[in-house]
Amino acid sequence: MMEIVRSRRRAANDRGMSTAEYAIGTVAAAALAGVLYKLVTGTEVRTALLGIVRRALQLAG
């Protein structure tokens, strides 16, 4: 019985993220967004996406 109480206390102390974990998660998300932005706005990716859209429009119309 005491083991159940102890495990519940431990679980109650570990709920959610701390402020430091939120900060690290936010920085990681911002870094990933920056990398994706650079990737998508690059000329190679832009050219490939435009080619796909043009082919789709040619097939549709």
N, C-alpha and C. Protein backbone atom coordinates (compact mmCIF):
# COMPACT_ATOMS: atom_id res chain seq x y z
N MET A 1 0.82 -1.20 0.00
CA MET A 1 0.00 0.00 0.00
C MET A 1 0.87 1.27 0.00
N MET A 2 1.91 1.25 0.79
CA MET A 2 2.80 2.42 0.86
C MET A 2 3.51 2.66 -0.47
N GLU A 3 3.80 1.58 -1.19
CA GLU A 3 4.47 1.72 -2.49
C GLU A 3 3.57 2.46 -3.48
N ILE A 4 2.30 2.22 -3.43
CA ILE A 4 1.35 2.91 -4.32
C ILE A 4 1.33 4.40 -4.00
N VAL A 5 1.31 4.73 -2.72
CA VAL A 5 1.30 6.13 -2.31
C VAL A 5 2.59 6.82 -2.76
N ARG A 6 3.73 6.16 -2.60
CA ARG A 6 5.01 6.74 -3.01
C ARG A 6 5.07 6.96 -4.52
N SER A 7 4.61 5.97 -5.28
CA SER A 7 4.66 6.13 -6.73
C SER A 7 3.73 7.24 -7.20
N ARG A 8 2.61 7.40 -6.53
CA ARG A 8 1.70 8.50 -6.91
C ARG A 8 2.30 9.86 -6.56
N ARG A 9 3.01 9.94 -5.46
CA ARG A 9 3.67 11.20 -5.11
C ARG A 9 4.74 11.55 -6.13
N ARG A 10 5.52 10.55 -6.55
CA ARG A 10 6.55 10.79 -7.56
C ARG A 10 5.92 11.26 -8.87
N ALA A 11 4.82 10.62 -9.26
CA ALA A 11 4.15 11.00 -10.50
C ALA A 11 3.58 12.41 -10.40
N ALA A 12 3.08 12.78 -9.24
CA ALA A 12 2.51 14.12 -9.07
C ALA A 12 3.59 15.20 -9.17
N ASN A 13 4.82 14.88 -8.77
CA ASN A 13 5.90 15.85 -8.82
C ASN A 13 6.45 16.03 -10.24
N ASP A 14 6.20 15.12 -11.15
CA ASP A 14 6.77 15.15 -12.49
C ASP A 14 5.75 15.52 -13.56
N ARG A 15 4.72 16.20 -13.21
CA ARG A 15 3.70 16.56 -14.20
C ARG A 15 4.13 17.80 -14.97
N GLY A 16 3.97 17.75 -16.30
CA GLY A 16 4.22 18.91 -17.14
C GLY A 16 5.70 19.22 -17.30
N MET A 17 5.95 20.27 -18.05
CA MET A 17 7.32 20.70 -18.32
C MET A 17 7.66 21.90 -17.44
N SER A 18 8.93 22.00 -17.12
CA SER A 18 9.39 23.16 -16.36
C SER A 18 9.65 24.32 -17.33
N THR A 19 9.93 25.47 -16.79
CA THR A 19 10.18 26.66 -17.60
C THR A 19 11.39 26.46 -18.50
N ALA A 20 12.43 25.82 -17.99
CA ALA A 20 13.63 25.57 -18.81
C ALA A 20 13.31 24.66 -19.99
N GLU A 21 12.48 23.65 -19.74
CA GLU A 21 12.10 22.75 -20.84
C GLU A 21 11.27 23.48 -21.90
N TYR A 22 10.39 24.38 -21.46
CA TYR A 22 9.64 25.19 -22.42
C TYR A 22 10.57 26.06 -23.24
N ALA A 23 11.56 26.65 -22.60
CA ALA A 23 12.50 27.52 -23.32
C ALA A 23 13.30 26.73 -24.35
N ILE A 24 13.78 25.56 -23.97
CA ILE A 24 14.54 24.72 -24.91
C ILE A 24 13.64 24.28 -26.06
N GLY A 25 12.42 23.89 -25.76
CA GLY A 25 11.48 23.49 -26.81
C GLY A 25 11.17 24.63 -27.77
N THR A 26 11.01 25.83 -27.24
CA THR A 26 10.73 27.00 -28.07
C THR A 26 11.91 27.33 -28.98
N VAL A 27 13.11 27.28 -28.43
CA VAL A 27 14.30 27.55 -29.24
C VAL A 27 14.47 26.50 -30.33
N ALA A 28 14.23 25.24 -29.99
CA ALA A 28 14.35 24.17 -30.99
C ALA A 28 13.31 24.34 -32.09
N ALA A 29 12.08 24.69 -31.73
CA ALA A 29 11.04 24.90 -32.73
C ALA A 29 11.37 26.09 -33.64
N ALA A 30 11.90 27.15 -33.07
CA ALA A 30 12.28 28.32 -33.87
C ALA A 30 13.43 27.97 -34.81
N ALA A 31 14.40 27.20 -34.34
CA ALA A 31 15.52 26.79 -35.19
C ALA A 31 15.03 25.92 -36.34
N LEU A 32 14.14 24.99 -36.06
CA LEU A 32 13.59 24.13 -37.10
C LEU A 32 12.80 24.96 -38.12
N ALA A 33 12.04 25.93 -37.65
CA ALA A 33 11.29 26.79 -38.56
C ALA A 33 12.23 27.59 -39.45
N GLY A 34 13.33 28.06 -38.89
CA GLY A 34 14.32 28.80 -39.68
C GLY A 34 14.95 27.93 -40.76
N VAL A 35 15.29 26.71 -40.41
CA VAL A 35 15.87 25.78 -41.40
C VAL A 35 14.87 25.47 -42.50
N LEU A 36 13.62 25.20 -42.12
CA LEU A 36 12.60 24.91 -43.13
C LEU A 36 12.35 26.11 -44.03
N TYR A 37 12.34 27.31 -43.45
CA TYR A 37 12.14 28.51 -44.26
C TYR A 37 13.25 28.67 -45.29
N LYS A 38 14.49 28.49 -44.85
CA LYS A 38 15.62 28.60 -45.78
C LYS A 38 15.54 27.53 -46.86
N LEU A 39 15.12 26.34 -46.48
CA LEU A 39 15.02 25.24 -47.44
C LEU A 39 13.94 25.53 -48.49
N VAL A 40 12.78 25.96 -48.05
CA VAL A 40 11.66 26.18 -48.96
C VAL A 40 11.88 27.40 -49.84
N THR A 41 12.56 28.42 -49.34
CA THR A 41 12.77 29.62 -50.15
C THR A 41 14.01 29.52 -51.03
N GLY A 42 14.71 28.40 -50.98
CA GLY A 42 15.86 28.20 -51.86
C GLY A 42 15.41 28.06 -53.31
N THR A 43 16.29 28.39 -54.24
CA THR A 43 15.92 28.39 -55.66
C THR A 43 15.61 26.98 -56.17
N GLU A 44 16.32 25.97 -55.69
CA GLU A 44 16.08 24.62 -56.17
C GLU A 44 14.69 24.14 -55.79
N VAL A 45 14.33 24.36 -54.55
CA VAL A 45 13.02 23.93 -54.07
C VAL A 45 11.92 24.74 -54.74
N ARG A 46 12.13 26.05 -54.87
CA ARG A 46 11.13 26.89 -55.53
C ARG A 46 10.90 26.45 -56.97
N THR A 47 11.98 26.14 -57.69
CA THR A 47 11.87 25.68 -59.07
C THR A 47 11.11 24.35 -59.14
N ALA A 48 11.43 23.44 -58.23
CA ALA A 48 10.74 22.15 -58.22
C ALA A 48 9.25 22.31 -57.93
N LEU A 49 8.93 23.15 -56.95
CA LEU A 49 7.51 23.36 -56.62
C LEU A 49 6.76 24.02 -57.77
N LEU A 50 7.37 25.00 -58.42
CA LEU A 50 6.72 25.64 -59.56
C LEU A 50 6.51 24.64 -60.69
N GLY A 51 7.48 23.75 -60.91
CA GLY A 51 7.32 22.72 -61.93
C GLY A 51 6.16 21.80 -61.64
N ILE A 52 6.01 21.42 -60.39
CA ILE A 52 4.89 20.55 -60.00
C ILE A 52 3.56 21.25 -60.22
N VAL A 53 3.48 22.52 -59.83
CA VAL A 53 2.23 23.27 -59.99
C VAL A 53 1.91 23.45 -61.47
N ARG A 54 2.92 23.77 -62.27
CA ARG A 54 2.68 23.95 -63.71
C ARG A 54 2.19 22.65 -64.36
N ARG A 55 2.80 21.52 -64.00
CA ARG A 55 2.34 20.24 -64.56
C ARG A 55 0.93 19.93 -64.14
N ALA A 56 0.61 20.21 -62.89
CA ALA A 56 -0.76 19.95 -62.40
C ALA A 56 -1.76 20.82 -63.14
N LEU A 57 -1.42 22.09 -63.37
CA LEU A 57 -2.33 22.97 -64.10
C LEU A 57 -2.47 22.56 -65.56
N GLN A 58 -1.40 22.06 -66.15
CA GLN A 58 -1.49 21.59 -67.55
C GLN A 58 -2.38 20.36 -67.65
N LEU A 59 -2.28 19.48 -66.68
CA LEU A 59 -3.12 18.28 -66.68
C LEU A 59 -4.58 18.61 -66.43
N ALA A 60 -4.83 19.63 -65.61
CA ALA A 60 -6.20 19.99 -65.27
C ALA A 60 -6.89 20.78 -66.37
N GLY A 61 -6.13 21.50 -67.15
CA GLY A 61 -6.79 22.38 -68.10
C GLY A 61 -6.22 22.26 -69.43
